[in-house]
Amino acid sequence: MNISTKNAEPMAILKQQRGFTFLELMITVTVAGILSMMAFPSFVTMTKNNRLTTQANDFILALNLTRSEAVKRGTSTTITASGGNWSNGWTVAHATAGTLRIGDALQDSMILTNDNTNTIITYSSSGTAAGTPTAAPGIFELCDDRTEEIGRQISISTTGRVEVADFTCS
């Protein structure tokens, strides 16, 4: 009799354990789907904002590299728009050292424009900047495919200093 009592106890424990019913599982999946649909637009916006910031930082890095190389080498260094369009990328070059860095084309329908239509920015050995065809380096605007949204405005002063600010794309 002792043996049958011992065998009955594990069976009683197994009967007390339960899993999810199909209805509970379907409700959980439905709630998870609704929450993910609510979060998806925010995720897309966050991703686009991060890409915009990354592209702006890459361009600022290239401008700062151009300036620092000019000062370090004691002669002019240039950053040139690829194919005359900043959205296609850029090349940082020095007369004696050749190409120092090549920037890739912008991603995901982003556009980088210059208010002075400059396709070349030249930094002198003192760190000052000048554009070509206009003397002032100007202001660059970086926007993506969203209208009336925040973009990045990258300003280059004639002293060569680079500043970035948010602005509304048109």
N, C-alpha and C. Protein backbone atom coordinates (compact mmCIF):
# COMPACT_ATOMS: atom_id res chain seq x y z
N MET A 1 0.81 -1.19 0.00
CA MET A 1 0.00 0.00 0.00
C MET A 1 0.85 1.26 0.00
N ASN A 2 1.95 1.15 0.64
CA ASN A 2 2.86 2.28 0.65
C ASN A 2 3.31 2.67 -0.75
N ILE A 3 3.53 1.70 -1.57
CA ILE A 3 4.00 1.95 -2.93
C ILE A 3 2.93 2.67 -3.75
N SER A 4 1.70 2.30 -3.66
CA SER A 4 0.65 2.95 -4.44
C SER A 4 0.42 4.39 -3.99
N THR A 5 0.62 4.70 -2.75
CA THR A 5 0.47 6.08 -2.26
C THR A 5 1.57 6.96 -2.84
N LYS A 6 2.76 6.42 -2.91
CA LYS A 6 3.87 7.21 -3.47
C LYS A 6 3.63 7.49 -4.95
N ASN A 7 3.08 6.56 -5.67
CA ASN A 7 2.82 6.76 -7.09
C ASN A 7 1.68 7.74 -7.33
N ALA A 8 0.76 7.85 -6.43
CA ALA A 8 -0.38 8.73 -6.60
C ALA A 8 0.00 10.20 -6.42
N GLU A 9 0.96 10.48 -5.57
CA GLU A 9 1.35 11.87 -5.32
C GLU A 9 1.91 12.58 -6.55
N PRO A 10 2.82 12.00 -7.33
CA PRO A 10 3.28 12.70 -8.53
C PRO A 10 2.16 12.93 -9.53
N MET A 11 1.22 12.05 -9.64
CA MET A 11 0.12 12.24 -10.56
C MET A 11 -0.74 13.42 -10.13
N ALA A 12 -0.92 13.59 -8.84
CA ALA A 12 -1.72 14.71 -8.34
C ALA A 12 -1.01 16.03 -8.63
N ILE A 13 0.30 16.04 -8.51
CA ILE A 13 1.06 17.25 -8.81
C ILE A 13 0.95 17.58 -10.29
N LEU A 14 1.05 16.62 -11.16
CA LEU A 14 0.94 16.85 -12.60
C LEU A 14 -0.42 17.39 -12.97
N LYS A 15 -1.46 16.96 -12.36
CA LYS A 15 -2.79 17.43 -12.67
C LYS A 15 -2.99 18.89 -12.24
N GLN A 16 -2.26 19.33 -11.22
CA GLN A 16 -2.41 20.70 -10.74
C GLN A 16 -1.70 21.72 -11.65
N GLN A 17 -0.66 21.32 -12.39
CA GLN A 17 0.07 22.23 -13.27
C GLN A 17 -0.75 22.49 -14.53
N ARG A 18 -0.77 23.77 -14.95
CA ARG A 18 -1.53 24.14 -16.15
C ARG A 18 -0.68 25.03 -17.04
N GLY A 19 -0.97 25.02 -18.31
CA GLY A 19 -0.33 25.92 -19.27
C GLY A 19 -1.33 26.98 -19.67
N PHE A 20 -1.01 27.71 -20.74
CA PHE A 20 -1.93 28.71 -21.25
C PHE A 20 -3.00 28.03 -22.11
N THR A 21 -4.17 28.55 -22.02
CA THR A 21 -5.21 28.08 -22.93
C THR A 21 -5.03 28.80 -24.26
N PHE A 22 -5.65 28.29 -25.27
CA PHE A 22 -5.56 28.90 -26.59
C PHE A 22 -6.11 30.32 -26.57
N LEU A 23 -7.19 30.54 -25.84
CA LEU A 23 -7.80 31.86 -25.73
C LEU A 23 -6.85 32.86 -25.06
N GLU A 24 -6.19 32.44 -23.99
CA GLU A 24 -5.23 33.32 -23.30
C GLU A 24 -4.06 33.67 -24.23
N LEU A 25 -3.60 32.69 -24.98
CA LEU A 25 -2.50 32.92 -25.91
C LEU A 25 -2.91 33.90 -27.00
N MET A 26 -4.10 33.76 -27.54
CA MET A 26 -4.57 34.66 -28.60
C MET A 26 -4.76 36.09 -28.08
N ILE A 27 -5.24 36.24 -26.87
CA ILE A 27 -5.40 37.58 -26.28
C ILE A 27 -4.03 38.22 -26.09
N THR A 28 -3.06 37.47 -25.62
CA THR A 28 -1.71 37.98 -25.40
C THR A 28 -1.07 38.42 -26.73
N VAL A 29 -1.23 37.60 -27.76
CA VAL A 29 -0.67 37.94 -29.07
C VAL A 29 -1.35 39.19 -29.64
N THR A 30 -2.66 39.31 -29.45
CA THR A 30 -3.39 40.48 -29.94
C THR A 30 -2.93 41.76 -29.24
N VAL A 31 -2.79 41.70 -27.93
CA VAL A 31 -2.33 42.87 -27.16
C VAL A 31 -0.91 43.25 -27.59
N ALA A 32 -0.04 42.26 -27.77
CA ALA A 32 1.33 42.53 -28.21
C ALA A 32 1.33 43.16 -29.60
N GLY A 33 0.47 42.71 -30.48
CA GLY A 33 0.37 43.28 -31.83
C GLY A 33 -0.09 44.73 -31.80
N ILE A 34 -1.08 45.01 -30.98
CA ILE A 34 -1.58 46.39 -30.87
C ILE A 34 -0.50 47.31 -30.32
N LEU A 35 0.20 46.88 -29.29
CA LEU A 35 1.28 47.70 -28.72
C LEU A 35 2.41 47.93 -29.72
N SER A 36 2.76 46.91 -30.49
CA SER A 36 3.83 47.09 -31.48
C SER A 36 3.40 48.01 -32.61
N MET A 37 2.13 47.98 -33.00
CA MET A 37 1.64 48.89 -34.04
C MET A 37 1.66 50.33 -33.55
N MET A 38 1.44 50.54 -32.26
CA MET A 38 1.50 51.89 -31.70
C MET A 38 2.94 52.39 -31.64
N ALA A 39 3.89 51.48 -31.41
CA ALA A 39 5.29 51.87 -31.25
C ALA A 39 6.00 52.02 -32.59
N PHE A 40 5.52 51.38 -33.66
CA PHE A 40 6.22 51.37 -34.94
C PHE A 40 6.45 52.76 -35.53
N PRO A 41 5.45 53.65 -35.58
CA PRO A 41 5.73 54.99 -36.14
C PRO A 41 6.82 55.74 -35.37
N SER A 42 6.85 55.60 -34.07
CA SER A 42 7.90 56.25 -33.28
C SER A 42 9.27 55.67 -33.60
N PHE A 43 9.31 54.37 -33.83
CA PHE A 43 10.56 53.71 -34.17
C PHE A 43 11.08 54.20 -35.52
N VAL A 44 10.21 54.37 -36.50
CA VAL A 44 10.60 54.85 -37.82
C VAL A 44 11.14 56.28 -37.71
N THR A 45 10.45 57.13 -36.96
CA THR A 45 10.89 58.51 -36.77
C THR A 45 12.25 58.55 -36.09
N MET A 46 12.42 57.73 -35.06
CA MET A 46 13.69 57.68 -34.34
C MET A 46 14.82 57.23 -35.27
N THR A 47 14.55 56.24 -36.10
CA THR A 47 15.56 55.75 -37.03
C THR A 47 15.95 56.83 -38.03
N LYS A 48 14.98 57.54 -38.58
CA LYS A 48 15.29 58.61 -39.55
C LYS A 48 16.06 59.75 -38.88
N ASN A 49 15.69 60.10 -37.65
CA ASN A 49 16.42 61.15 -36.93
C ASN A 49 17.86 60.74 -36.67
N ASN A 50 18.07 59.47 -36.32
CA ASN A 50 19.43 58.99 -36.07
C ASN A 50 20.26 58.99 -37.35
N ARG A 51 19.66 58.62 -38.47
CA ARG A 51 20.38 58.65 -39.74
C ARG A 51 20.75 60.07 -40.13
N LEU A 52 19.84 61.00 -39.89
CA LEU A 52 20.10 62.41 -40.19
C LEU A 52 21.27 62.93 -39.35
N THR A 53 21.26 62.61 -38.08
CA THR A 53 22.34 63.03 -37.18
C THR A 53 23.67 62.40 -37.60
N THR A 54 23.64 61.13 -37.96
CA THR A 54 24.86 60.44 -38.38
C THR A 54 25.44 61.07 -39.64
N GLN A 55 24.59 61.37 -40.61
CA GLN A 55 25.07 61.98 -41.85
C GLN A 55 25.65 63.37 -41.58
N ALA A 56 24.98 64.14 -40.73
CA ALA A 56 25.50 65.48 -40.39
C ALA A 56 26.85 65.35 -39.70
N ASN A 57 26.98 64.41 -38.78
CA ASN A 57 28.25 64.22 -38.07
C ASN A 57 29.36 63.78 -39.01
N ASP A 58 29.05 62.93 -40.00
CA ASP A 58 30.06 62.51 -40.97
C ASP A 58 30.57 63.70 -41.78
N PHE A 59 29.66 64.57 -42.19
CA PHE A 59 30.07 65.74 -42.96
C PHE A 59 30.89 66.71 -42.11
N ILE A 60 30.47 66.92 -40.87
CA ILE A 60 31.21 67.80 -39.96
C ILE A 60 32.60 67.23 -39.70
N LEU A 61 32.69 65.92 -39.54
CA LEU A 61 33.99 65.27 -39.36
C LEU A 61 34.90 65.53 -40.55
N ALA A 62 34.35 65.43 -41.76
CA ALA A 62 35.14 65.69 -42.97
C ALA A 62 35.60 67.15 -43.03
N LEU A 63 34.72 68.07 -42.66
CA LEU A 63 35.11 69.49 -42.64
C LEU A 63 36.22 69.74 -41.62
N ASN A 64 36.07 69.17 -40.44
CA ASN A 64 37.09 69.35 -39.39
C ASN A 64 38.41 68.69 -39.79
N LEU A 65 38.33 67.54 -40.47
CA LEU A 65 39.55 66.90 -40.96
C LEU A 65 40.25 67.79 -41.98
N THR A 66 39.48 68.37 -42.88
CA THR A 66 40.05 69.25 -43.90
C THR A 66 40.77 70.43 -43.25
N ARG A 67 40.12 71.02 -42.27
CA ARG A 67 40.72 72.17 -41.57
C ARG A 67 41.98 71.78 -40.81
N SER A 68 41.92 70.68 -40.08
CA SER A 68 43.07 70.28 -39.27
C SER A 68 44.26 69.87 -40.14
N GLU A 69 43.99 69.23 -41.28
CA GLU A 69 45.08 68.86 -42.19
C GLU A 69 45.74 70.09 -42.81
N ALA A 70 44.94 71.11 -43.10
CA ALA A 70 45.50 72.34 -43.65
C ALA A 70 46.43 73.01 -42.65
N VAL A 71 45.98 73.05 -41.40
CA VAL A 71 46.80 73.67 -40.36
C VAL A 71 48.05 72.83 -40.10
N LYS A 72 47.86 71.51 -40.01
CA LYS A 72 48.98 70.61 -39.71
C LYS A 72 50.04 70.64 -40.81
N ARG A 73 49.62 70.64 -42.07
CA ARG A 73 50.56 70.58 -43.19
C ARG A 73 51.08 71.97 -43.61
N GLY A 74 50.41 73.03 -43.13
CA GLY A 74 50.86 74.39 -43.43
C GLY A 74 50.52 74.86 -44.83
N THR A 75 49.65 74.14 -45.54
CA THR A 75 49.21 74.56 -46.87
C THR A 75 47.71 74.26 -47.02
N SER A 76 47.12 74.75 -48.08
CA SER A 76 45.68 74.60 -48.30
C SER A 76 45.27 73.14 -48.48
N THR A 77 44.09 72.84 -47.96
CA THR A 77 43.46 71.53 -48.13
C THR A 77 42.02 71.78 -48.53
N THR A 78 41.49 70.93 -49.41
CA THR A 78 40.15 71.16 -49.94
C THR A 78 39.22 69.98 -49.65
N ILE A 79 37.93 70.31 -49.58
CA ILE A 79 36.88 69.30 -49.58
C ILE A 79 36.01 69.64 -50.78
N THR A 80 35.80 68.64 -51.64
CA THR A 80 35.13 68.85 -52.92
C THR A 80 33.91 67.95 -53.03
N ALA A 81 32.82 68.51 -53.52
CA ALA A 81 31.60 67.74 -53.74
C ALA A 81 31.81 66.76 -54.89
N SER A 82 31.41 65.52 -54.70
CA SER A 82 31.55 64.51 -55.77
C SER A 82 30.58 64.81 -56.90
N GLY A 83 31.12 64.97 -58.07
CA GLY A 83 30.28 65.27 -59.23
C GLY A 83 29.56 66.59 -59.12
N GLY A 84 30.07 67.51 -58.32
CA GLY A 84 29.44 68.81 -58.15
C GLY A 84 28.20 68.80 -57.28
N ASN A 85 27.92 67.68 -56.62
CA ASN A 85 26.72 67.56 -55.78
C ASN A 85 27.13 66.97 -54.42
N TRP A 86 26.90 67.71 -53.35
CA TRP A 86 27.28 67.26 -52.02
C TRP A 86 26.56 65.99 -51.61
N SER A 87 25.37 65.76 -52.13
CA SER A 87 24.62 64.54 -51.79
C SER A 87 25.28 63.29 -52.34
N ASN A 88 26.14 63.45 -53.35
CA ASN A 88 26.85 62.31 -53.94
C ASN A 88 28.11 61.93 -53.17
N GLY A 89 28.42 62.69 -52.14
CA GLY A 89 29.63 62.44 -51.36
C GLY A 89 30.62 63.57 -51.51
N TRP A 90 31.82 63.37 -50.98
CA TRP A 90 32.84 64.41 -51.02
C TRP A 90 34.22 63.77 -50.91
N THR A 91 35.21 64.57 -51.28
CA THR A 91 36.60 64.12 -51.21
C THR A 91 37.42 65.18 -50.50
N VAL A 92 38.17 64.75 -49.51
CA VAL A 92 39.10 65.63 -48.81
C VAL A 92 40.46 65.36 -49.42
N ALA A 93 41.10 66.42 -49.94
CA ALA A 93 42.38 66.25 -50.63
C ALA A 93 43.36 67.34 -50.26
N HIS A 94 44.64 66.99 -50.37
CA HIS A 94 45.74 67.91 -50.14
C HIS A 94 46.64 67.86 -51.36
N ALA A 95 47.21 69.01 -51.72
CA ALA A 95 48.00 69.10 -52.96
C ALA A 95 49.15 68.10 -53.00
N THR A 96 49.87 67.93 -51.92
CA THR A 96 51.03 67.03 -51.93
C THR A 96 50.69 65.63 -51.42
N ALA A 97 49.74 65.51 -50.50
CA ALA A 97 49.41 64.20 -49.92
C ALA A 97 48.35 63.45 -50.71
N GLY A 98 47.67 64.15 -51.62
CA GLY A 98 46.62 63.50 -52.42
C GLY A 98 45.32 63.37 -51.63
N THR A 99 44.55 62.35 -51.95
CA THR A 99 43.25 62.15 -51.31
C THR A 99 43.44 61.65 -49.89
N LEU A 100 42.81 62.34 -48.96
CA LEU A 100 42.90 61.97 -47.54
C LEU A 100 41.68 61.17 -47.07
N ARG A 101 40.52 61.50 -47.62
CA ARG A 101 39.30 60.80 -47.22
C ARG A 101 38.24 61.00 -48.30
N ILE A 102 37.46 59.94 -48.51
CA ILE A 102 36.34 60.00 -49.45
C ILE A 102 35.07 59.73 -48.68
N GLY A 103 34.12 60.65 -48.77
CA GLY A 103 32.83 60.48 -48.10
C GLY A 103 31.83 59.82 -49.04
N ASP A 104 31.07 58.88 -48.52
CA ASP A 104 30.08 58.17 -49.32
C ASP A 104 28.89 59.05 -49.63
N ALA A 105 28.14 58.65 -50.64
CA ALA A 105 26.90 59.34 -50.97
C ALA A 105 25.92 59.21 -49.81
N LEU A 106 25.04 60.17 -49.68
CA LEU A 106 24.07 60.15 -48.59
C LEU A 106 23.06 59.03 -48.77
N GLN A 107 22.53 58.54 -47.66
CA GLN A 107 21.58 57.43 -47.68
C GLN A 107 20.15 57.92 -47.69
N ASP A 108 19.27 57.03 -48.10
CA ASP A 108 17.82 57.18 -47.92
C ASP A 108 17.26 58.54 -48.33
N SER A 109 17.45 58.91 -49.53
CA SER A 109 16.91 60.14 -50.12
C SER A 109 17.22 61.39 -49.30
N MET A 110 18.38 61.43 -48.68
CA MET A 110 18.82 62.64 -47.99
C MET A 110 19.47 63.58 -48.99
N ILE A 111 19.33 64.86 -48.73
CA ILE A 111 19.86 65.88 -49.62
C ILE A 111 20.70 66.86 -48.81
N LEU A 112 21.91 67.14 -49.30
CA LEU A 112 22.80 68.12 -48.68
C LEU A 112 23.04 69.22 -49.70
N THR A 113 22.60 70.43 -49.38
CA THR A 113 22.75 71.57 -50.30
C THR A 113 23.52 72.69 -49.62
N ASN A 114 24.12 73.53 -50.46
CA ASN A 114 24.87 74.69 -49.99
C ASN A 114 24.19 75.94 -50.51
N ASP A 115 23.96 76.92 -49.64
CA ASP A 115 23.25 78.13 -50.05
C ASP A 115 24.03 78.97 -51.06
N ASN A 116 25.33 78.82 -51.12
CA ASN A 116 26.16 79.59 -52.05
C ASN A 116 26.54 78.79 -53.29
N THR A 117 26.00 77.63 -53.47
CA THR A 117 26.31 76.73 -54.58
C THR A 117 27.80 76.39 -54.67
N ASN A 118 28.50 76.45 -53.57
CA ASN A 118 29.91 76.10 -53.56
C ASN A 118 30.06 74.59 -53.72
N THR A 119 30.97 74.19 -54.58
CA THR A 119 31.28 72.77 -54.75
C THR A 119 32.65 72.42 -54.19
N ILE A 120 33.40 73.45 -53.80
CA ILE A 120 34.72 73.25 -53.19
C ILE A 120 34.84 74.20 -52.01
N ILE A 121 35.27 73.67 -50.88
CA ILE A 121 35.60 74.49 -49.71
C ILE A 121 37.10 74.30 -49.48
N THR A 122 37.82 75.42 -49.43
CA THR A 122 39.27 75.37 -49.23
C THR A 122 39.62 75.96 -47.88
N TYR A 123 40.38 75.20 -47.11
CA TYR A 123 40.90 75.68 -45.83
C TYR A 123 42.36 76.05 -46.02
N SER A 124 42.74 77.24 -45.54
CA SER A 124 44.13 77.69 -45.64
C SER A 124 44.92 77.17 -44.45
N SER A 125 46.21 77.43 -44.47
CA SER A 125 47.09 76.96 -43.38
C SER A 125 46.75 77.61 -42.04
N SER A 126 46.04 78.72 -42.07
CA SER A 126 45.62 79.37 -40.82
C SER A 126 44.29 78.83 -40.30
N GLY A 127 43.64 77.97 -41.09
CA GLY A 127 42.36 77.39 -40.68
C GLY A 127 41.15 78.14 -41.18
N THR A 128 41.37 79.20 -41.93
CA THR A 128 40.23 79.94 -42.48
C THR A 128 39.67 79.21 -43.70
N ALA A 129 38.39 79.46 -43.98
CA ALA A 129 37.72 78.75 -45.08
C ALA A 129 37.23 79.71 -46.15
N ALA A 130 37.26 79.23 -47.38
CA ALA A 130 36.71 79.98 -48.51
C ALA A 130 36.06 78.98 -49.46
N GLY A 131 35.00 79.42 -50.10
CA GLY A 131 34.30 78.55 -51.03
C GLY A 131 34.61 78.87 -52.47
N THR A 132 34.23 77.95 -53.35
CA THR A 132 34.35 78.15 -54.79
C THR A 132 33.05 77.68 -55.41
N PRO A 133 32.33 78.46 -56.15
CA PRO A 133 32.70 79.70 -56.83
C PRO A 133 32.52 80.96 -56.00
N THR A 134 31.83 80.96 -54.86
CA THR A 134 31.69 82.18 -54.07
C THR A 134 32.67 82.14 -52.92
N ALA A 135 33.05 83.30 -52.44
CA ALA A 135 34.09 83.38 -51.42
C ALA A 135 33.65 82.84 -50.06
N ALA A 136 32.40 83.10 -49.68
CA ALA A 136 31.93 82.64 -48.38
C ALA A 136 31.63 81.15 -48.43
N PRO A 137 32.10 80.37 -47.46
CA PRO A 137 31.84 78.93 -47.47
C PRO A 137 30.35 78.62 -47.39
N GLY A 138 29.63 79.39 -46.60
CA GLY A 138 28.17 79.29 -46.59
C GLY A 138 27.58 78.33 -45.59
N ILE A 139 26.31 78.06 -45.83
CA ILE A 139 25.50 77.23 -44.95
C ILE A 139 25.03 76.01 -45.74
N PHE A 140 25.19 74.85 -45.14
CA PHE A 140 24.72 73.61 -45.74
C PHE A 140 23.45 73.18 -45.03
N GLU A 141 22.51 72.66 -45.80
CA GLU A 141 21.26 72.16 -45.23
C GLU A 141 21.12 70.69 -45.57
N LEU A 142 20.88 69.89 -44.54
CA LEU A 142 20.74 68.45 -44.68
C LEU A 142 19.31 68.08 -44.32
N CYS A 143 18.58 67.52 -45.30
CA CYS A 143 17.19 67.12 -45.09
C CYS A 143 16.98 65.71 -45.63
N ASP A 144 15.95 65.04 -45.13
CA ASP A 144 15.57 63.75 -45.70
C ASP A 144 14.24 63.91 -46.42
N ASP A 145 13.54 62.81 -46.68
CA ASP A 145 12.31 62.87 -47.48
C ASP A 145 11.10 63.41 -46.73
N ARG A 146 11.24 63.74 -45.47
CA ARG A 146 10.13 64.30 -44.70
C ARG A 146 10.09 65.81 -44.91
N THR A 147 8.93 66.37 -45.14
CA THR A 147 8.79 67.82 -45.25
C THR A 147 8.25 68.37 -43.95
N GLU A 148 8.57 69.62 -43.71
CA GLU A 148 8.16 70.31 -42.47
C GLU A 148 8.67 69.59 -41.23
N GLU A 149 9.79 68.91 -41.35
CA GLU A 149 10.41 68.22 -40.22
C GLU A 149 11.76 68.85 -39.95
N ILE A 150 12.32 68.48 -38.83
CA ILE A 150 13.62 69.00 -38.42
C ILE A 150 14.72 68.43 -39.31
N GLY A 151 15.58 69.31 -39.80
CA GLY A 151 16.77 68.93 -40.54
C GLY A 151 17.98 69.48 -39.81
N ARG A 152 19.14 69.42 -40.42
CA ARG A 152 20.35 69.95 -39.81
C ARG A 152 20.91 71.04 -40.71
N GLN A 153 21.31 72.13 -40.08
CA GLN A 153 21.93 73.24 -40.79
C GLN A 153 23.37 73.35 -40.31
N ILE A 154 24.30 73.18 -41.24
CA ILE A 154 25.72 73.19 -40.92
C ILE A 154 26.32 74.47 -41.48
N SER A 155 26.79 75.33 -40.59
CA SER A 155 27.34 76.63 -40.99
C SER A 155 28.85 76.60 -40.89
N ILE A 156 29.49 77.14 -41.92
CA ILE A 156 30.95 77.28 -41.91
C ILE A 156 31.26 78.76 -41.99
N SER A 157 31.91 79.27 -40.98
CA SER A 157 32.27 80.69 -40.98
C SER A 157 33.56 80.87 -41.78
N THR A 158 33.86 82.11 -42.11
CA THR A 158 35.11 82.37 -42.84
C THR A 158 36.34 82.07 -41.99
N THR A 159 36.16 82.03 -40.68
CA THR A 159 37.28 81.65 -39.81
C THR A 159 37.47 80.13 -39.80
N GLY A 160 36.55 79.40 -40.44
CA GLY A 160 36.67 77.95 -40.56
C GLY A 160 35.91 77.16 -39.52
N ARG A 161 35.30 77.85 -38.58
CA ARG A 161 34.56 77.17 -37.52
C ARG A 161 33.26 76.58 -38.06
N VAL A 162 32.96 75.35 -37.65
CA VAL A 162 31.77 74.66 -38.10
C VAL A 162 30.77 74.61 -36.95
N GLU A 163 29.53 74.97 -37.25
CA GLU A 163 28.45 74.91 -36.26
C GLU A 163 27.28 74.16 -36.87
N VAL A 164 26.52 73.46 -36.02
CA VAL A 164 25.35 72.73 -36.49
C VAL A 164 24.15 73.15 -35.65
N ALA A 165 23.01 73.25 -36.31
CA ALA A 165 21.77 73.63 -35.63
C ALA A 165 20.60 72.93 -36.31
N ASP A 166 19.51 72.79 -35.58
CA ASP A 166 18.28 72.24 -36.16
C ASP A 166 17.57 73.33 -36.94
N PHE A 167 16.87 72.95 -37.98
CA PHE A 167 16.03 73.87 -38.72
C PHE A 167 14.92 73.08 -39.39
N THR A 168 13.90 73.75 -39.88
CA THR A 168 12.76 73.08 -40.51
C THR A 168 12.97 72.98 -42.01
N CYS A 169 12.95 71.76 -42.52
CA CYS A 169 13.11 71.52 -43.96
C CYS A 169 11.86 71.93 -44.69
N SER A 170 12.03 72.34 -45.94
CA SER A 170 10.86 72.72 -46.73
C SER A 170 10.49 71.64 -47.72
